[in-house]
């Protein structure tokens, strides 16, 4: 597989329409008004502690002392990455892994409010995540991006119905437009013909373009 990274000289704006539906996982439905989403107990080992919390994730934060529940707060992470918790007020939590969030909450609660508390962080619903595929595939549009598993280039092509039925897909010059942490867009060029056992991983928000073959 050949990859080249090219910075775009000008910002390229892409307007994505809303993607209905959430990426559900097995569990019981929450009883709160944000019902309809599956629940996972991230702190109890049913999902990876390395999962990175994102803005608009819907969380439950529970705190126990000697197995007695002191509070359980359900809230959506704000667009700015904060969540409001008892005693602590607004806490920045987006961008942290589950494990990092647990560590950062334990320290102030243990120091100022509770003796050796046990804290759980559960993701009740993931924020809407997707990649977009355009060009010579059978179904262009948004593809849901699984929060835990992720996606690869060939998986997205398969979810888009495969290469176009007219056989005019230029597999040599597939491009992935990505935005880095500084908001700068760049292009990754991929020769999809050379992808075999090691596929190309994608990131949330990627734009995949399969051009038309000219010869």
N, C-alpha and C. Protein backbone atom coordinates (compact mmCIF):
# COMPACT_ATOMS: atom_id res chain seq x y z
N UNK A 1 0.85 -1.19 0.00
CA UNK A 1 0.00 0.00 0.00
C UNK A 1 0.88 1.23 0.00
N UNK A 2 0.60 2.18 -0.86
CA UNK A 2 1.38 3.41 -0.94
C UNK A 2 0.54 4.56 -0.41
N UNK A 3 1.11 5.30 0.53
CA UNK A 3 0.41 6.43 1.11
C UNK A 3 1.23 7.68 0.88
N UNK A 4 0.58 8.76 0.53
CA UNK A 4 1.25 10.05 0.50
C UNK A 4 0.39 11.04 1.25
N UNK A 5 1.02 11.92 1.99
CA UNK A 5 0.30 12.92 2.78
C UNK A 5 0.54 14.29 2.16
N UNK A 6 -0.53 14.94 1.74
CA UNK A 6 -0.41 16.21 1.04
C UNK A 6 -1.23 17.25 1.78
N UNK A 7 -0.60 18.33 2.22
CA UNK A 7 -1.36 19.39 2.86
C UNK A 7 -2.09 20.22 1.80
N UNK A 8 -3.31 20.55 2.10
CA UNK A 8 -4.06 21.40 1.19
C UNK A 8 -3.70 22.86 1.47
N UNK A 9 -3.49 23.64 0.43
CA UNK A 9 -3.14 25.04 0.65
C UNK A 9 -4.29 25.87 1.16
N UNK A 10 -5.51 25.44 0.89
CA UNK A 10 -6.69 26.17 1.33
C UNK A 10 -7.60 25.23 2.08
N UNK A 11 -8.29 25.75 3.07
CA UNK A 11 -9.24 24.91 3.82
C UNK A 11 -10.39 24.54 2.89
N UNK A 12 -10.77 23.28 2.99
CA UNK A 12 -11.89 22.78 2.19
C UNK A 12 -13.02 22.44 3.12
N UNK A 13 -14.15 23.09 2.94
CA UNK A 13 -15.26 22.87 3.85
C UNK A 13 -16.21 21.85 3.27
N UNK A 14 -16.64 20.92 4.11
CA UNK A 14 -17.61 19.92 3.70
C UNK A 14 -18.80 20.00 4.66
N UNK A 15 -19.97 20.13 4.11
CA UNK A 15 -21.17 20.23 4.92
C UNK A 15 -21.82 18.87 4.97
N UNK A 16 -21.87 18.25 6.15
CA UNK A 16 -22.45 16.92 6.32
C UNK A 16 -23.86 17.08 6.88
N UNK A 17 -24.80 16.40 6.26
CA UNK A 17 -26.15 16.38 6.81
C UNK A 17 -26.19 15.49 8.03
N UNK A 18 -27.20 15.67 8.87
CA UNK A 18 -27.28 14.89 10.11
C UNK A 18 -27.46 13.43 9.83
N UNK A 19 -26.90 12.65 10.69
CA UNK A 19 -27.01 11.19 10.57
C UNK A 19 -27.92 10.70 11.67
N UNK A 20 -29.06 10.16 11.29
CA UNK A 20 -30.00 9.71 12.31
C UNK A 20 -29.58 8.37 12.85
N UNK A 21 -29.89 8.18 14.14
CA UNK A 21 -29.59 6.91 14.79
C UNK A 21 -28.28 6.97 15.53
N UNK A 22 -28.17 6.14 16.53
CA UNK A 22 -26.97 6.05 17.35
C UNK A 22 -26.35 4.69 17.18
N UNK A 23 -25.08 4.55 17.53
CA UNK A 23 -24.39 3.27 17.47
C UNK A 23 -24.65 2.56 18.77
N UNK A 24 -25.57 1.63 18.78
CA UNK A 24 -25.96 0.96 20.01
C UNK A 24 -25.05 -0.19 20.34
N UNK A 25 -25.04 -0.57 21.63
CA UNK A 25 -24.32 -1.73 22.11
C UNK A 25 -25.23 -2.45 23.07
N UNK A 26 -24.87 -3.71 23.36
CA UNK A 26 -25.76 -4.54 24.15
C UNK A 26 -25.89 -4.03 25.56
N UNK A 27 -27.04 -4.22 26.20
CA UNK A 27 -27.26 -3.82 27.57
C UNK A 27 -28.70 -3.40 27.76
N UNK A 28 -29.01 -2.79 28.91
CA UNK A 28 -30.35 -2.35 29.20
C UNK A 28 -30.51 -0.90 28.84
N UNK A 29 -31.73 -0.53 28.51
CA UNK A 29 -31.98 0.85 28.13
C UNK A 29 -31.99 1.73 29.35
N UNK A 30 -31.44 2.93 29.27
CA UNK A 30 -31.46 3.83 30.40
C UNK A 30 -32.87 4.31 30.67
N UNK A 31 -33.16 4.60 31.93
CA UNK A 31 -34.50 5.01 32.33
C UNK A 31 -34.71 6.49 32.18
N UNK A 32 -33.69 7.24 31.83
CA UNK A 32 -33.80 8.68 31.73
C UNK A 32 -34.53 9.08 30.47
N UNK A 33 -34.74 10.39 30.34
CA UNK A 33 -35.44 10.91 29.18
C UNK A 33 -34.70 10.73 27.89
N UNK A 34 -33.43 10.37 27.95
CA UNK A 34 -32.68 10.11 26.73
C UNK A 34 -32.72 8.63 26.39
N UNK A 35 -33.82 7.99 26.69
CA UNK A 35 -33.94 6.55 26.48
C UNK A 35 -33.87 6.19 25.01
N UNK A 36 -33.84 4.85 24.74
CA UNK A 36 -33.75 4.40 23.38
C UNK A 36 -32.35 4.07 22.96
N UNK A 37 -31.38 4.24 23.85
CA UNK A 37 -30.00 3.94 23.54
C UNK A 37 -29.53 2.79 24.41
N UNK A 38 -28.67 1.95 23.87
CA UNK A 38 -28.15 0.84 24.64
C UNK A 38 -27.10 1.31 25.63
N UNK A 39 -26.90 0.51 26.68
CA UNK A 39 -26.02 0.89 27.76
C UNK A 39 -24.85 -0.05 27.87
N UNK A 40 -23.67 0.49 28.14
CA UNK A 40 -22.54 -0.35 28.49
C UNK A 40 -21.93 0.18 29.77
N UNK A 41 -21.44 -0.70 30.62
CA UNK A 41 -20.79 -0.31 31.85
C UNK A 41 -19.30 -0.28 31.60
N UNK A 42 -18.80 0.85 31.18
CA UNK A 42 -17.41 0.91 30.77
C UNK A 42 -16.46 0.62 31.91
N UNK A 43 -16.81 1.04 33.12
CA UNK A 43 -15.88 0.87 34.23
C UNK A 43 -15.86 -0.55 34.75
N UNK A 44 -16.80 -1.39 34.32
CA UNK A 44 -16.83 -2.76 34.82
C UNK A 44 -16.23 -3.75 33.83
N UNK A 45 -15.57 -3.24 32.80
CA UNK A 45 -14.79 -4.10 31.93
C UNK A 45 -15.50 -4.61 30.70
N UNK A 46 -16.73 -4.13 30.41
CA UNK A 46 -17.46 -4.61 29.25
C UNK A 46 -17.12 -3.82 27.99
N UNK A 47 -16.29 -2.82 28.11
CA UNK A 47 -15.77 -2.12 26.95
C UNK A 47 -14.36 -1.65 27.30
N UNK A 48 -13.64 -1.22 26.32
CA UNK A 48 -12.25 -0.87 26.54
C UNK A 48 -12.12 0.37 27.41
N UNK A 49 -11.23 0.31 28.39
CA UNK A 49 -10.97 1.48 29.23
C UNK A 49 -10.21 2.55 28.47
N UNK A 50 -9.75 2.21 27.26
CA UNK A 50 -9.02 3.18 26.44
C UNK A 50 -9.96 3.99 25.54
N UNK A 51 -11.28 3.71 25.58
CA UNK A 51 -12.23 4.48 24.77
C UNK A 51 -12.12 5.96 25.11
N UNK A 52 -12.01 6.81 24.10
CA UNK A 52 -11.86 8.25 24.29
C UNK A 52 -13.24 8.91 24.29
N UNK A 53 -13.57 9.58 25.37
CA UNK A 53 -14.85 10.25 25.51
C UNK A 53 -14.89 11.45 24.56
N UNK A 54 -16.03 11.62 23.91
CA UNK A 54 -16.18 12.71 22.93
C UNK A 54 -17.31 13.65 23.33
N UNK A 55 -17.27 14.90 22.85
CA UNK A 55 -18.43 15.77 23.04
C UNK A 55 -19.70 15.10 22.51
N UNK A 56 -20.78 15.30 23.24
CA UNK A 56 -22.11 14.78 22.92
C UNK A 56 -22.28 13.30 23.26
N UNK A 57 -21.26 12.62 23.78
CA UNK A 57 -21.50 11.32 24.39
C UNK A 57 -22.44 11.51 25.58
N UNK A 58 -23.30 10.53 25.82
CA UNK A 58 -24.23 10.60 26.96
C UNK A 58 -23.73 9.63 28.02
N UNK A 59 -23.40 10.15 29.20
CA UNK A 59 -22.72 9.38 30.23
C UNK A 59 -23.56 9.24 31.50
N UNK A 60 -23.24 8.19 32.25
CA UNK A 60 -23.69 8.09 33.64
C UNK A 60 -22.45 7.98 34.51
N UNK A 61 -22.34 8.86 35.49
CA UNK A 61 -21.25 8.82 36.45
C UNK A 61 -21.85 8.46 37.81
N UNK A 62 -21.40 7.33 38.38
CA UNK A 62 -21.90 6.85 39.66
C UNK A 62 -20.76 6.80 40.67
N UNK A 63 -21.07 7.12 41.92
CA UNK A 63 -20.06 7.09 42.97
C UNK A 63 -20.59 6.30 44.16
N UNK A 64 -19.78 5.35 44.63
CA UNK A 64 -20.13 4.50 45.75
C UNK A 64 -19.10 4.66 46.86
N UNK A 65 -19.54 4.53 48.09
CA UNK A 65 -18.65 4.41 49.24
C UNK A 65 -19.08 3.19 50.03
N UNK A 66 -18.17 2.24 50.18
CA UNK A 66 -18.49 0.98 50.88
C UNK A 66 -19.74 0.34 50.28
N UNK A 67 -19.81 0.30 48.97
CA UNK A 67 -20.91 -0.31 48.22
C UNK A 67 -22.24 0.42 48.33
N UNK A 68 -22.25 1.59 48.95
CA UNK A 68 -23.49 2.37 49.05
C UNK A 68 -23.43 3.51 48.03
N UNK A 69 -24.46 3.60 47.20
CA UNK A 69 -24.52 4.63 46.16
C UNK A 69 -24.68 6.00 46.79
N UNK A 70 -23.78 6.89 46.45
CA UNK A 70 -23.87 8.27 46.92
C UNK A 70 -24.57 9.17 45.90
N UNK A 71 -24.30 8.94 44.64
CA UNK A 71 -25.02 9.66 43.59
C UNK A 71 -24.80 8.94 42.26
N UNK A 72 -25.73 9.16 41.34
CA UNK A 72 -25.61 8.69 39.96
C UNK A 72 -26.14 9.81 39.07
N UNK A 73 -25.27 10.38 38.28
CA UNK A 73 -25.62 11.52 37.43
C UNK A 73 -25.55 11.12 35.97
N UNK A 74 -26.61 11.41 35.23
CA UNK A 74 -26.63 11.17 33.79
C UNK A 74 -26.64 12.52 33.08
N UNK A 75 -25.76 12.68 32.12
CA UNK A 75 -25.68 13.95 31.40
C UNK A 75 -24.96 13.75 30.08
N UNK A 76 -25.25 14.64 29.16
CA UNK A 76 -24.54 14.63 27.89
C UNK A 76 -23.33 15.56 27.98
N UNK A 77 -22.20 15.08 27.47
CA UNK A 77 -21.00 15.90 27.44
C UNK A 77 -21.27 17.09 26.51
N UNK A 78 -20.95 18.27 26.98
CA UNK A 78 -21.23 19.47 26.18
C UNK A 78 -20.33 19.53 24.96
N UNK A 79 -20.69 20.41 24.03
CA UNK A 79 -19.89 20.58 22.83
C UNK A 79 -18.47 21.04 23.17
N UNK A 80 -18.34 21.75 24.30
CA UNK A 80 -17.02 22.21 24.73
C UNK A 80 -16.26 21.15 25.53
N UNK A 81 -16.91 19.97 25.77
CA UNK A 81 -16.22 18.86 26.41
C UNK A 81 -16.42 18.72 27.89
N UNK A 82 -17.39 19.47 28.47
CA UNK A 82 -17.59 19.45 29.92
C UNK A 82 -18.82 18.64 30.31
N UNK A 83 -18.81 18.21 31.58
CA UNK A 83 -19.97 17.57 32.18
C UNK A 83 -20.10 18.12 33.59
N UNK A 84 -21.33 18.33 34.06
CA UNK A 84 -21.55 18.87 35.40
C UNK A 84 -21.77 17.74 36.39
N UNK A 85 -20.98 17.73 37.47
CA UNK A 85 -21.04 16.66 38.47
C UNK A 85 -21.24 17.24 39.86
N UNK A 86 -21.90 16.48 40.76
CA UNK A 86 -22.10 16.96 42.14
C UNK A 86 -20.78 17.36 42.79
N UNK A 87 -20.81 18.46 43.54
CA UNK A 87 -19.67 19.01 44.28
C UNK A 87 -18.62 19.65 43.37
N UNK A 88 -18.31 19.01 42.24
CA UNK A 88 -17.22 19.49 41.40
C UNK A 88 -17.64 20.53 40.38
N UNK A 89 -18.94 20.58 40.05
CA UNK A 89 -19.40 21.49 39.02
C UNK A 89 -18.96 21.02 37.64
N UNK A 90 -18.65 21.95 36.75
CA UNK A 90 -18.25 21.59 35.39
C UNK A 90 -16.84 21.00 35.38
N UNK A 91 -16.73 19.82 34.78
CA UNK A 91 -15.47 19.11 34.70
C UNK A 91 -15.20 18.79 33.23
N UNK A 92 -14.00 19.08 32.76
CA UNK A 92 -13.63 18.73 31.39
C UNK A 92 -13.33 17.24 31.32
N UNK A 93 -14.07 16.55 30.45
CA UNK A 93 -13.93 15.09 30.39
C UNK A 93 -13.70 14.59 28.97
N UNK A 94 -14.14 15.34 27.96
CA UNK A 94 -13.92 14.93 26.58
C UNK A 94 -12.43 14.93 26.25
N UNK A 95 -12.02 13.98 25.45
CA UNK A 95 -10.61 13.85 25.10
C UNK A 95 -9.85 12.93 26.03
N UNK A 96 -10.48 12.50 27.12
CA UNK A 96 -9.86 11.58 28.06
C UNK A 96 -10.38 10.17 27.81
N UNK A 97 -9.53 9.19 28.04
CA UNK A 97 -10.00 7.81 28.01
C UNK A 97 -10.85 7.55 29.25
N UNK A 98 -11.61 6.47 29.24
CA UNK A 98 -12.39 6.10 30.43
C UNK A 98 -11.48 6.00 31.65
N UNK A 99 -10.35 5.35 31.48
CA UNK A 99 -9.41 5.17 32.59
C UNK A 99 -8.90 6.51 33.10
N UNK A 100 -8.57 7.42 32.19
CA UNK A 100 -8.08 8.73 32.59
C UNK A 100 -9.17 9.53 33.28
N UNK A 101 -10.41 9.40 32.80
CA UNK A 101 -11.53 10.11 33.43
C UNK A 101 -11.74 9.61 34.86
N UNK A 102 -11.68 8.30 35.06
CA UNK A 102 -11.85 7.74 36.40
C UNK A 102 -10.77 8.26 37.34
N UNK A 103 -9.53 8.28 36.87
CA UNK A 103 -8.42 8.77 37.69
C UNK A 103 -8.60 10.24 38.05
N UNK A 104 -9.01 11.04 37.06
CA UNK A 104 -9.14 12.48 37.30
C UNK A 104 -10.30 12.80 38.23
N UNK A 105 -11.33 11.97 38.26
CA UNK A 105 -12.47 12.19 39.17
C UNK A 105 -12.18 11.67 40.57
N UNK A 106 -11.44 10.59 40.65
CA UNK A 106 -11.16 9.99 41.96
C UNK A 106 -10.39 10.95 42.85
N UNK A 107 -9.41 11.61 42.30
CA UNK A 107 -8.52 12.44 43.11
C UNK A 107 -9.27 13.54 43.88
N UNK A 108 -10.08 14.39 43.24
CA UNK A 108 -10.77 15.44 44.01
C UNK A 108 -11.86 14.89 44.93
N UNK A 109 -12.58 13.83 44.48
CA UNK A 109 -13.62 13.27 45.35
C UNK A 109 -13.00 12.64 46.59
N UNK A 110 -11.91 11.92 46.43
CA UNK A 110 -11.25 11.26 47.57
C UNK A 110 -10.61 12.29 48.50
N UNK A 111 -10.10 13.36 47.94
CA UNK A 111 -9.40 14.38 48.74
C UNK A 111 -10.37 15.23 49.56
N UNK A 112 -11.50 15.60 48.94
CA UNK A 112 -12.33 16.62 49.57
C UNK A 112 -13.71 16.16 50.03
N UNK A 113 -14.22 15.02 49.53
CA UNK A 113 -15.62 14.71 49.79
C UNK A 113 -15.90 13.30 50.31
N UNK A 114 -15.22 12.29 49.81
CA UNK A 114 -15.53 10.92 50.18
C UNK A 114 -14.24 10.17 50.50
N UNK A 115 -14.37 9.13 51.35
CA UNK A 115 -13.22 8.31 51.70
C UNK A 115 -13.16 7.11 50.77
N UNK A 116 -12.11 7.04 49.96
CA UNK A 116 -11.86 5.94 49.03
C UNK A 116 -13.13 5.55 48.25
N UNK A 117 -13.65 6.49 47.48
CA UNK A 117 -14.86 6.18 46.70
C UNK A 117 -14.57 5.25 45.54
N UNK A 118 -15.60 4.53 45.13
CA UNK A 118 -15.54 3.73 43.90
C UNK A 118 -16.38 4.45 42.86
N UNK A 119 -15.77 4.81 41.74
CA UNK A 119 -16.45 5.59 40.70
C UNK A 119 -16.62 4.75 39.45
N UNK A 120 -17.78 4.86 38.84
CA UNK A 120 -18.05 4.19 37.57
C UNK A 120 -18.46 5.22 36.53
N UNK A 121 -17.96 5.04 35.32
CA UNK A 121 -18.35 5.88 34.20
C UNK A 121 -18.93 4.97 33.13
N UNK A 122 -20.19 5.18 32.79
CA UNK A 122 -20.86 4.36 31.78
C UNK A 122 -21.24 5.23 30.59
N UNK A 123 -21.00 4.73 29.39
CA UNK A 123 -21.43 5.43 28.17
C UNK A 123 -22.82 4.90 27.82
N UNK A 124 -23.81 5.75 27.98
CA UNK A 124 -25.19 5.35 27.68
C UNK A 124 -25.50 5.48 26.20
N UNK A 125 -24.87 6.43 25.54
CA UNK A 125 -25.08 6.61 24.10
C UNK A 125 -23.89 7.35 23.51
N UNK A 126 -23.40 6.85 22.41
CA UNK A 126 -22.29 7.50 21.73
C UNK A 126 -22.78 8.71 20.94
N UNK A 127 -21.92 9.69 20.77
CA UNK A 127 -22.22 10.79 19.87
C UNK A 127 -22.30 10.24 18.45
N UNK A 128 -22.97 10.98 17.59
CA UNK A 128 -23.09 10.56 16.20
C UNK A 128 -21.73 10.66 15.52
N UNK A 129 -21.28 9.57 14.90
CA UNK A 129 -19.98 9.55 14.25
C UNK A 129 -20.14 8.90 12.89
N UNK A 130 -19.39 9.39 11.94
CA UNK A 130 -19.51 8.82 10.60
C UNK A 130 -18.29 9.18 9.76
N UNK A 131 -18.16 8.48 8.65
CA UNK A 131 -17.28 8.90 7.57
C UNK A 131 -18.17 9.07 6.34
N UNK A 132 -17.66 9.73 5.33
CA UNK A 132 -18.43 9.98 4.11
C UNK A 132 -17.69 9.39 2.93
N UNK A 133 -18.42 8.70 2.06
CA UNK A 133 -17.80 8.14 0.86
C UNK A 133 -18.54 8.70 -0.36
N UNK A 134 -17.76 9.18 -1.34
CA UNK A 134 -18.33 9.73 -2.56
C UNK A 134 -17.58 9.15 -3.76
N UNK A 135 -18.12 9.42 -4.93
CA UNK A 135 -17.45 8.98 -6.15
C UNK A 135 -17.99 7.67 -6.68
N UNK A 136 -17.09 6.86 -7.24
CA UNK A 136 -17.49 5.66 -7.97
C UNK A 136 -17.63 4.46 -7.04
N UNK A 137 -18.67 4.56 -6.20
CA UNK A 137 -19.15 3.42 -5.41
C UNK A 137 -20.64 3.29 -5.69
N UNK A 138 -21.21 2.19 -5.25
CA UNK A 138 -22.62 1.96 -5.57
C UNK A 138 -23.58 2.78 -4.71
N UNK A 139 -23.16 3.13 -3.48
CA UNK A 139 -24.02 3.95 -2.62
C UNK A 139 -23.16 5.01 -1.94
N UNK A 140 -23.27 6.24 -2.41
CA UNK A 140 -22.54 7.34 -1.78
C UNK A 140 -23.27 7.78 -0.52
N UNK A 141 -22.53 8.38 0.40
CA UNK A 141 -23.18 8.96 1.58
C UNK A 141 -22.43 8.69 2.86
N UNK A 142 -23.14 8.88 3.97
CA UNK A 142 -22.57 8.72 5.30
C UNK A 142 -22.55 7.25 5.70
N UNK A 143 -21.45 6.83 6.32
CA UNK A 143 -21.30 5.48 6.86
C UNK A 143 -21.07 5.63 8.36
N UNK A 144 -21.91 5.02 9.21
CA UNK A 144 -21.69 5.12 10.67
C UNK A 144 -20.31 4.59 11.05
N UNK A 145 -19.66 5.29 11.97
CA UNK A 145 -18.31 4.93 12.41
C UNK A 145 -18.41 4.32 13.80
N UNK A 146 -18.17 3.01 13.94
CA UNK A 146 -18.28 2.37 15.26
C UNK A 146 -17.28 2.96 16.24
N UNK A 147 -17.76 3.33 17.42
CA UNK A 147 -16.90 4.01 18.38
C UNK A 147 -15.81 3.10 18.93
N UNK A 148 -16.10 1.81 19.09
CA UNK A 148 -15.13 0.90 19.68
C UNK A 148 -14.23 0.27 18.62
N UNK A 149 -14.83 -0.26 17.56
CA UNK A 149 -14.09 -1.08 16.60
C UNK A 149 -13.35 -0.25 15.56
N UNK A 150 -13.95 0.84 15.13
CA UNK A 150 -13.37 1.61 14.04
C UNK A 150 -13.70 1.00 12.68
N UNK A 151 -13.15 1.59 11.62
CA UNK A 151 -13.41 1.13 10.26
C UNK A 151 -12.12 1.21 9.45
N UNK A 152 -12.05 0.40 8.40
CA UNK A 152 -10.96 0.47 7.44
C UNK A 152 -11.51 0.89 6.08
N UNK A 153 -10.62 1.22 5.17
CA UNK A 153 -11.04 1.68 3.85
C UNK A 153 -11.87 0.64 3.12
N UNK A 154 -11.40 -0.60 3.07
CA UNK A 154 -12.14 -1.62 2.32
C UNK A 154 -13.47 -1.96 3.00
N UNK A 155 -13.53 -1.84 4.32
CA UNK A 155 -14.82 -2.05 5.00
C UNK A 155 -15.82 -0.98 4.59
N UNK A 156 -15.37 0.27 4.47
CA UNK A 156 -16.27 1.35 4.05
C UNK A 156 -16.72 1.15 2.62
N UNK A 157 -15.80 0.71 1.76
CA UNK A 157 -16.19 0.44 0.36
C UNK A 157 -17.26 -0.65 0.32
N UNK A 158 -17.10 -1.68 1.13
CA UNK A 158 -18.09 -2.75 1.18
C UNK A 158 -19.43 -2.23 1.70
N UNK A 159 -19.41 -1.39 2.74
CA UNK A 159 -20.65 -0.83 3.28
C UNK A 159 -21.31 0.13 2.30
N UNK A 160 -20.53 0.68 1.37
CA UNK A 160 -21.08 1.55 0.33
C UNK A 160 -21.54 0.76 -0.89
N UNK A 161 -21.63 -0.54 -0.76
CA UNK A 161 -22.12 -1.38 -1.86
C UNK A 161 -21.06 -1.84 -2.82
N UNK A 162 -19.79 -1.55 -2.50
CA UNK A 162 -18.70 -1.98 -3.36
C UNK A 162 -18.34 -0.94 -4.41
N UNK A 163 -17.28 -1.26 -5.16
CA UNK A 163 -16.88 -0.40 -6.28
C UNK A 163 -18.03 -0.30 -7.27
N UNK A 164 -18.10 0.77 -8.04
CA UNK A 164 -19.25 1.00 -8.92
C UNK A 164 -19.44 -0.15 -9.89
N UNK A 165 -20.70 -0.42 -10.18
CA UNK A 165 -21.05 -1.55 -11.05
C UNK A 165 -20.56 -1.36 -12.47
N UNK A 166 -20.30 -0.12 -12.88
CA UNK A 166 -19.82 0.12 -14.25
C UNK A 166 -18.32 -0.13 -14.40
N UNK A 167 -17.67 -0.56 -13.30
CA UNK A 167 -16.25 -0.92 -13.32
C UNK A 167 -15.34 0.24 -13.69
N UNK A 168 -15.79 1.45 -13.42
CA UNK A 168 -14.99 2.63 -13.72
C UNK A 168 -14.31 3.22 -12.48
N UNK A 169 -14.34 2.51 -11.37
CA UNK A 169 -13.68 3.01 -10.16
C UNK A 169 -12.17 3.02 -10.35
N UNK A 170 -11.55 4.14 -10.04
CA UNK A 170 -10.09 4.24 -10.11
C UNK A 170 -9.52 3.86 -8.75
N UNK A 171 -9.25 2.58 -8.58
CA UNK A 171 -8.78 2.08 -7.29
C UNK A 171 -7.37 2.55 -6.97
N UNK A 172 -6.64 2.98 -7.97
CA UNK A 172 -5.25 3.41 -7.76
C UNK A 172 -5.16 4.75 -7.05
N UNK A 173 -6.18 5.58 -7.20
CA UNK A 173 -6.10 6.98 -6.75
C UNK A 173 -7.20 7.36 -5.76
N UNK A 174 -7.52 6.44 -4.87
CA UNK A 174 -8.50 6.75 -3.83
C UNK A 174 -7.89 7.78 -2.88
N UNK A 175 -8.67 8.78 -2.50
CA UNK A 175 -8.17 9.81 -1.58
C UNK A 175 -9.00 9.83 -0.30
N UNK A 176 -8.33 10.15 0.79
CA UNK A 176 -8.97 10.32 2.09
C UNK A 176 -8.65 11.73 2.57
N UNK A 177 -9.67 12.57 2.69
CA UNK A 177 -9.48 13.91 3.22
C UNK A 177 -9.72 13.87 4.73
N UNK A 178 -8.74 14.35 5.49
CA UNK A 178 -8.80 14.24 6.96
C UNK A 178 -8.45 15.58 7.58
N UNK A 179 -9.04 15.86 8.73
CA UNK A 179 -8.75 17.08 9.48
C UNK A 179 -7.92 16.72 10.70
N UNK A 180 -6.78 17.38 10.88
CA UNK A 180 -5.93 17.06 12.02
C UNK A 180 -6.38 17.82 13.26
N UNK A 181 -5.64 17.64 14.37
CA UNK A 181 -6.03 18.22 15.65
C UNK A 181 -6.03 19.74 15.62
N UNK A 182 -5.32 20.34 14.68
CA UNK A 182 -5.27 21.80 14.56
C UNK A 182 -6.32 22.36 13.60
N UNK A 183 -7.17 21.48 13.09
CA UNK A 183 -8.21 21.91 12.16
C UNK A 183 -7.75 22.05 10.73
N UNK A 184 -6.53 21.61 10.44
CA UNK A 184 -6.00 21.71 9.08
C UNK A 184 -6.32 20.45 8.29
N UNK A 185 -6.78 20.62 7.06
CA UNK A 185 -7.15 19.48 6.23
C UNK A 185 -5.96 19.03 5.39
N UNK A 186 -5.85 17.74 5.22
CA UNK A 186 -4.82 17.18 4.35
C UNK A 186 -5.38 15.95 3.65
N UNK A 187 -4.70 15.52 2.60
CA UNK A 187 -5.17 14.40 1.79
C UNK A 187 -4.19 13.24 1.88
N UNK A 188 -4.73 12.06 2.06
CA UNK A 188 -3.96 10.81 2.00
C UNK A 188 -4.35 10.10 0.71
N UNK A 189 -3.37 9.77 -0.11
CA UNK A 189 -3.63 9.04 -1.36
C UNK A 189 -3.34 7.56 -1.14
N UNK A 190 -4.26 6.72 -1.56
CA UNK A 190 -4.14 5.28 -1.33
C UNK A 190 -4.35 4.53 -2.64
N UNK A 191 -3.45 3.62 -2.94
CA UNK A 191 -3.64 2.69 -4.06
C UNK A 191 -4.34 1.46 -3.49
N UNK A 192 -5.67 1.44 -3.61
CA UNK A 192 -6.46 0.37 -2.99
C UNK A 192 -6.21 -0.99 -3.61
N UNK A 193 -5.60 -1.03 -4.80
CA UNK A 193 -5.29 -2.33 -5.40
C UNK A 193 -4.24 -3.08 -4.60
N UNK A 194 -3.43 -2.34 -3.83
CA UNK A 194 -2.33 -2.95 -3.12
C UNK A 194 -2.67 -3.28 -1.66
N UNK A 195 -3.93 -3.00 -1.27
CA UNK A 195 -4.36 -3.36 0.07
C UNK A 195 -4.71 -4.85 0.08
N UNK A 196 -4.06 -5.59 0.94
CA UNK A 196 -4.36 -7.03 1.02
C UNK A 196 -4.69 -7.38 2.46
N UNK A 197 -3.75 -7.93 3.18
CA UNK A 197 -4.03 -8.35 4.56
C UNK A 197 -4.02 -7.16 5.52
N UNK A 198 -3.29 -6.09 5.21
CA UNK A 198 -3.22 -4.93 6.07
C UNK A 198 -3.98 -3.78 5.43
N UNK A 199 -5.21 -3.57 5.90
CA UNK A 199 -6.08 -2.55 5.35
C UNK A 199 -5.68 -1.18 5.90
N UNK A 200 -6.26 -0.12 5.30
CA UNK A 200 -5.94 1.24 5.74
C UNK A 200 -6.98 1.72 6.75
N UNK A 201 -6.59 2.00 8.01
CA UNK A 201 -7.56 2.44 9.03
C UNK A 201 -8.05 3.85 8.75
N UNK A 202 -9.31 4.08 9.08
CA UNK A 202 -9.91 5.39 8.90
C UNK A 202 -10.13 6.04 10.25
N UNK A 203 -10.42 7.33 10.21
CA UNK A 203 -10.76 8.08 11.40
C UNK A 203 -12.13 8.71 11.23
N UNK A 204 -12.79 8.95 12.36
CA UNK A 204 -14.08 9.62 12.34
C UNK A 204 -13.97 10.93 11.56
N UNK A 205 -14.96 11.18 10.68
CA UNK A 205 -14.99 12.42 9.91
C UNK A 205 -14.25 12.38 8.60
N UNK A 206 -13.57 11.27 8.28
CA UNK A 206 -12.85 11.17 7.01
C UNK A 206 -13.82 11.28 5.83
N UNK A 207 -13.34 11.85 4.75
CA UNK A 207 -14.07 11.89 3.48
C UNK A 207 -13.31 11.04 2.48
N UNK A 208 -13.93 9.95 2.02
CA UNK A 208 -13.29 9.03 1.08
C UNK A 208 -13.84 9.31 -0.31
N UNK A 209 -12.95 9.56 -1.25
CA UNK A 209 -13.36 9.83 -2.63
C UNK A 209 -12.76 8.78 -3.56
N UNK A 210 -13.63 8.06 -4.28
CA UNK A 210 -13.20 7.09 -5.27
C UNK A 210 -13.42 7.74 -6.64
N UNK A 211 -12.36 8.20 -7.32
CA UNK A 211 -12.55 8.90 -8.60
C UNK A 211 -12.90 7.94 -9.73
N UNK A 212 -13.30 8.51 -10.84
CA UNK A 212 -13.60 7.71 -12.03
C UNK A 212 -12.33 7.45 -12.83
N UNK A 213 -12.18 6.21 -13.26
CA UNK A 213 -11.03 5.85 -14.08
C UNK A 213 -11.19 6.46 -15.46
N UNK A 214 -10.15 7.09 -15.96
CA UNK A 214 -10.22 7.81 -17.22
C UNK A 214 -9.76 6.98 -18.40
N UNK A 215 -9.23 5.78 -18.14
CA UNK A 215 -8.80 4.93 -19.25
C UNK A 215 -8.99 3.49 -18.89
